[in-house]
Amino acid sequence: MSPKEPEKKVRGLLDVDGATCSSCVYTIEHVGAKLKGVYDCYVDRNTSQIQLTYDGSQETLDRIVELVDKIGYTAVVNVPDVDNLAKA
């Protein structure tokens, strides 16, 4: 077994529609942060975006979009990797 590699952390942005109240925001942040591969989940009501720190996998992005949909809102991946976009 090889030494444990540091966990990859990627920052992404998702557009979210319908999450306009404090309860909506809390639910998405609280439940989203518990998903495997998600390190931090912050909803900005002013910009209607979810700021996500995650493991970089498409599967994790798909799970957060699905979760938001199940809660009753709509999320679409805007920028899957903010840091790589800045370098381009």
N, C-alpha and C. Protein backbone atom coordinates (compact mmCIF):
# COMPACT_ATOMS: atom_id res chain seq x y z
N MET A 1 0.84 -1.18 0.00
CA MET A 1 0.00 0.00 0.00
C MET A 1 0.89 1.24 0.00
N SER A 2 0.54 2.21 -0.86
CA SER A 2 1.34 3.42 -0.95
C SER A 2 0.92 4.42 0.12
N PRO A 3 1.81 5.36 0.44
CA PRO A 3 1.44 6.38 1.42
C PRO A 3 0.20 7.13 0.95
N LYS A 4 -0.59 7.58 1.89
CA LYS A 4 -1.83 8.27 1.56
C LYS A 4 -1.51 9.59 0.85
N GLU A 5 -2.13 9.76 -0.33
CA GLU A 5 -1.96 10.98 -1.08
C GLU A 5 -2.90 12.04 -0.52
N PRO A 6 -2.50 13.31 -0.61
CA PRO A 6 -3.41 14.36 -0.12
C PRO A 6 -4.69 14.36 -0.96
N GLU A 7 -5.80 14.66 -0.30
CA GLU A 7 -7.07 14.69 -0.99
C GLU A 7 -7.11 15.87 -1.95
N LYS A 8 -7.62 15.61 -3.15
CA LYS A 8 -7.77 16.67 -4.14
C LYS A 8 -8.97 17.53 -3.75
N LYS A 9 -8.79 18.84 -3.79
CA LYS A 9 -9.87 19.76 -3.49
C LYS A 9 -10.01 20.74 -4.65
N VAL A 10 -11.19 20.75 -5.21
CA VAL A 10 -11.50 21.60 -6.36
C VAL A 10 -12.65 22.52 -5.97
N ARG A 11 -12.59 23.76 -6.43
CA ARG A 11 -13.69 24.70 -6.18
C ARG A 11 -14.53 24.83 -7.44
N GLY A 12 -15.84 24.64 -7.29
CA GLY A 12 -16.74 24.75 -8.42
C GLY A 12 -17.89 25.69 -8.12
N LEU A 13 -18.55 26.14 -9.18
CA LEU A 13 -19.72 27.01 -9.05
C LEU A 13 -20.89 26.36 -9.77
N LEU A 14 -22.04 26.36 -9.11
CA LEU A 14 -23.27 25.88 -9.71
C LEU A 14 -24.30 26.99 -9.62
N ASP A 15 -25.08 27.15 -10.67
CA ASP A 15 -26.20 28.08 -10.63
C ASP A 15 -27.36 27.36 -9.98
N VAL A 16 -28.07 28.03 -9.09
CA VAL A 16 -29.21 27.42 -8.40
C VAL A 16 -30.43 28.32 -8.58
N ASP A 17 -31.57 27.68 -8.85
CA ASP A 17 -32.80 28.42 -9.05
C ASP A 17 -33.83 28.00 -8.01
N GLY A 18 -34.43 28.98 -7.36
CA GLY A 18 -35.51 28.70 -6.42
C GLY A 18 -35.14 28.74 -4.95
N ALA A 19 -33.86 28.73 -4.64
CA ALA A 19 -33.42 28.74 -3.23
C ALA A 19 -33.29 30.19 -2.77
N THR A 20 -34.40 30.77 -2.35
CA THR A 20 -34.41 32.20 -2.04
C THR A 20 -34.56 32.53 -0.56
N CYS A 21 -34.84 31.54 0.28
CA CYS A 21 -35.03 31.83 1.70
C CYS A 21 -33.91 31.19 2.53
N SER A 22 -33.80 31.61 3.76
CA SER A 22 -32.75 31.10 4.65
C SER A 22 -32.88 29.59 4.86
N SER A 23 -34.10 29.11 4.96
CA SER A 23 -34.32 27.68 5.15
C SER A 23 -33.85 26.88 3.93
N CYS A 24 -34.10 27.41 2.75
CA CYS A 24 -33.66 26.75 1.51
C CYS A 24 -32.13 26.63 1.51
N VAL A 25 -31.50 27.75 1.80
CA VAL A 25 -30.04 27.81 1.82
C VAL A 25 -29.47 26.84 2.84
N TYR A 26 -30.02 26.86 4.04
CA TYR A 26 -29.54 25.97 5.10
C TYR A 26 -29.66 24.50 4.69
N THR A 27 -30.79 24.14 4.11
CA THR A 27 -31.01 22.75 3.72
C THR A 27 -29.98 22.30 2.68
N ILE A 28 -29.77 23.10 1.65
CA ILE A 28 -28.80 22.74 0.62
C ILE A 28 -27.39 22.66 1.21
N GLU A 29 -27.01 23.64 2.02
CA GLU A 29 -25.67 23.65 2.61
C GLU A 29 -25.47 22.47 3.55
N HIS A 30 -26.44 22.23 4.41
CA HIS A 30 -26.31 21.19 5.43
C HIS A 30 -26.28 19.79 4.82
N VAL A 31 -27.21 19.52 3.95
CA VAL A 31 -27.29 18.19 3.34
C VAL A 31 -26.17 18.03 2.31
N GLY A 32 -25.88 19.08 1.55
CA GLY A 32 -24.83 19.01 0.54
C GLY A 32 -23.46 18.73 1.13
N ALA A 33 -23.16 19.33 2.28
CA ALA A 33 -21.86 19.13 2.92
C ALA A 33 -21.67 17.70 3.42
N LYS A 34 -22.77 16.96 3.57
CA LYS A 34 -22.68 15.57 4.04
C LYS A 34 -22.44 14.58 2.92
N LEU A 35 -22.53 15.02 1.67
CA LEU A 35 -22.31 14.11 0.55
C LEU A 35 -20.85 13.68 0.47
N LYS A 36 -20.64 12.43 0.11
CA LYS A 36 -19.28 11.93 -0.07
C LYS A 36 -18.61 12.72 -1.20
N GLY A 37 -17.42 13.20 -0.94
CA GLY A 37 -16.67 13.96 -1.93
C GLY A 37 -16.85 15.46 -1.82
N VAL A 38 -17.78 15.92 -0.96
CA VAL A 38 -18.01 17.35 -0.78
C VAL A 38 -17.33 17.78 0.52
N TYR A 39 -16.49 18.81 0.44
CA TYR A 39 -15.80 19.33 1.62
C TYR A 39 -16.48 20.56 2.18
N ASP A 40 -17.07 21.37 1.28
CA ASP A 40 -17.76 22.58 1.73
C ASP A 40 -18.81 22.94 0.69
N CYS A 41 -19.94 23.42 1.18
CA CYS A 41 -21.06 23.79 0.31
C CYS A 41 -21.65 25.09 0.84
N TYR A 42 -21.60 26.15 0.03
CA TYR A 42 -22.10 27.46 0.44
C TYR A 42 -23.04 27.99 -0.63
N VAL A 43 -24.22 28.41 -0.22
CA VAL A 43 -25.19 28.97 -1.15
C VAL A 43 -25.22 30.48 -0.97
N ASP A 44 -25.02 31.20 -2.07
CA ASP A 44 -25.08 32.66 -2.07
C ASP A 44 -26.40 33.07 -2.72
N ARG A 45 -27.34 33.51 -1.90
CA ARG A 45 -28.66 33.90 -2.42
C ARG A 45 -28.57 35.12 -3.33
N ASN A 46 -27.61 36.00 -3.09
CA ASN A 46 -27.50 37.22 -3.90
C ASN A 46 -27.10 36.92 -5.34
N THR A 47 -26.25 35.91 -5.54
CA THR A 47 -25.80 35.56 -6.89
C THR A 47 -26.52 34.31 -7.42
N SER A 48 -27.34 33.68 -6.59
CA SER A 48 -28.03 32.43 -6.95
C SER A 48 -27.03 31.36 -7.38
N GLN A 49 -25.96 31.23 -6.59
CA GLN A 49 -24.93 30.24 -6.89
C GLN A 49 -24.59 29.40 -5.67
N ILE A 50 -24.20 28.17 -5.95
CA ILE A 50 -23.64 27.29 -4.93
C ILE A 50 -22.13 27.27 -5.15
N GLN A 51 -21.40 27.62 -4.12
CA GLN A 51 -19.94 27.56 -4.16
C GLN A 51 -19.56 26.26 -3.47
N LEU A 52 -18.91 25.39 -4.21
CA LEU A 52 -18.67 24.03 -3.76
C LEU A 52 -17.18 23.73 -3.73
N THR A 53 -16.71 23.16 -2.64
CA THR A 53 -15.36 22.61 -2.60
C THR A 53 -15.55 21.10 -2.55
N TYR A 54 -14.98 20.40 -3.54
CA TYR A 54 -15.26 18.97 -3.67
C TYR A 54 -14.04 18.24 -4.22
N ASP A 55 -14.19 16.93 -4.41
CA ASP A 55 -13.06 16.09 -4.80
C ASP A 55 -12.70 16.15 -6.28
N GLY A 56 -13.41 16.94 -7.06
CA GLY A 56 -13.07 17.10 -8.47
C GLY A 56 -13.73 16.11 -9.41
N SER A 57 -14.50 15.18 -8.89
CA SER A 57 -15.09 14.17 -9.77
C SER A 57 -16.44 14.61 -10.31
N GLN A 58 -16.70 14.21 -11.55
CA GLN A 58 -18.00 14.49 -12.17
C GLN A 58 -19.12 13.83 -11.40
N GLU A 59 -18.85 12.67 -10.83
CA GLU A 59 -19.84 11.94 -10.04
C GLU A 59 -20.32 12.79 -8.86
N THR A 60 -19.41 13.47 -8.19
CA THR A 60 -19.79 14.33 -7.06
C THR A 60 -20.65 15.49 -7.53
N LEU A 61 -20.28 16.10 -8.66
CA LEU A 61 -21.10 17.18 -9.21
C LEU A 61 -22.50 16.68 -9.54
N ASP A 62 -22.58 15.50 -10.15
CA ASP A 62 -23.88 14.92 -10.50
C ASP A 62 -24.72 14.68 -9.24
N ARG A 63 -24.07 14.22 -8.16
CA ARG A 63 -24.80 13.96 -6.91
C ARG A 63 -25.34 15.24 -6.30
N ILE A 64 -24.57 16.33 -6.34
CA ILE A 64 -25.04 17.58 -5.74
C ILE A 64 -26.20 18.15 -6.57
N VAL A 65 -26.11 18.05 -7.91
CA VAL A 65 -27.21 18.51 -8.77
C VAL A 65 -28.47 17.69 -8.49
N GLU A 66 -28.31 16.38 -8.37
CA GLU A 66 -29.44 15.49 -8.07
C GLU A 66 -30.04 15.81 -6.70
N LEU A 67 -29.19 16.05 -5.72
CA LEU A 67 -29.66 16.39 -4.37
C LEU A 67 -30.49 17.67 -4.38
N VAL A 68 -29.99 18.70 -5.04
CA VAL A 68 -30.71 19.97 -5.11
C VAL A 68 -32.07 19.76 -5.79
N ASP A 69 -32.08 18.94 -6.83
CA ASP A 69 -33.33 18.63 -7.52
C ASP A 69 -34.32 17.91 -6.59
N LYS A 70 -33.83 16.95 -5.82
CA LYS A 70 -34.70 16.22 -4.88
C LYS A 70 -35.27 17.13 -3.80
N ILE A 71 -34.51 18.13 -3.39
CA ILE A 71 -34.97 19.07 -2.37
C ILE A 71 -36.05 19.99 -2.95
N GLY A 72 -36.06 20.15 -4.28
CA GLY A 72 -37.11 20.95 -4.91
C GLY A 72 -36.62 22.18 -5.66
N TYR A 73 -35.32 22.26 -5.91
CA TYR A 73 -34.75 23.38 -6.62
C TYR A 73 -34.02 22.86 -7.85
N THR A 74 -33.46 23.77 -8.62
CA THR A 74 -32.72 23.38 -9.82
C THR A 74 -31.29 23.88 -9.71
N ALA A 75 -30.34 23.00 -10.00
CA ALA A 75 -28.92 23.39 -10.01
C ALA A 75 -28.29 22.94 -11.33
N VAL A 76 -27.44 23.80 -11.87
CA VAL A 76 -26.72 23.51 -13.10
C VAL A 76 -25.26 23.88 -12.87
N VAL A 77 -24.35 22.99 -13.28
CA VAL A 77 -22.93 23.28 -13.13
C VAL A 77 -22.57 24.46 -14.03
N ASN A 78 -21.98 25.48 -13.43
CA ASN A 78 -21.56 26.67 -14.17
C ASN A 78 -20.06 26.56 -14.49
N VAL A 79 -19.25 26.40 -13.45
CA VAL A 79 -17.79 26.27 -13.60
C VAL A 79 -17.35 25.09 -12.73
N PRO A 80 -16.95 23.96 -13.33
CA PRO A 80 -16.58 22.81 -12.52
C PRO A 80 -15.27 22.97 -11.75
N ASP A 81 -14.37 23.84 -12.23
CA ASP A 81 -13.08 24.03 -11.57
C ASP A 81 -12.65 25.49 -11.70
N VAL A 82 -12.98 26.29 -10.71
CA VAL A 82 -12.70 27.73 -10.73
C VAL A 82 -11.21 28.01 -10.85
N ASP A 83 -10.39 27.24 -10.17
CA ASP A 83 -8.95 27.49 -10.16
C ASP A 83 -8.33 27.24 -11.54
N ASN A 84 -8.76 26.19 -12.24
CA ASN A 84 -8.22 25.94 -13.58
C ASN A 84 -8.72 26.96 -14.58
N LEU A 85 -9.92 27.48 -14.37
CA LEU A 85 -10.44 28.52 -15.25
C LEU A 85 -9.59 29.78 -15.14
N ALA A 86 -9.17 30.10 -13.91
CA ALA A 86 -8.36 31.29 -13.66
C ALA A 86 -6.98 31.18 -14.31
N LYS A 87 -6.46 29.94 -14.44
CA LYS A 87 -5.14 29.73 -15.01
C LYS A 87 -5.15 29.78 -16.53
N ALA A 88 -6.33 29.57 -17.12
CA ALA A 88 -6.43 29.49 -18.59
C ALA A 88 -6.28 30.84 -19.24
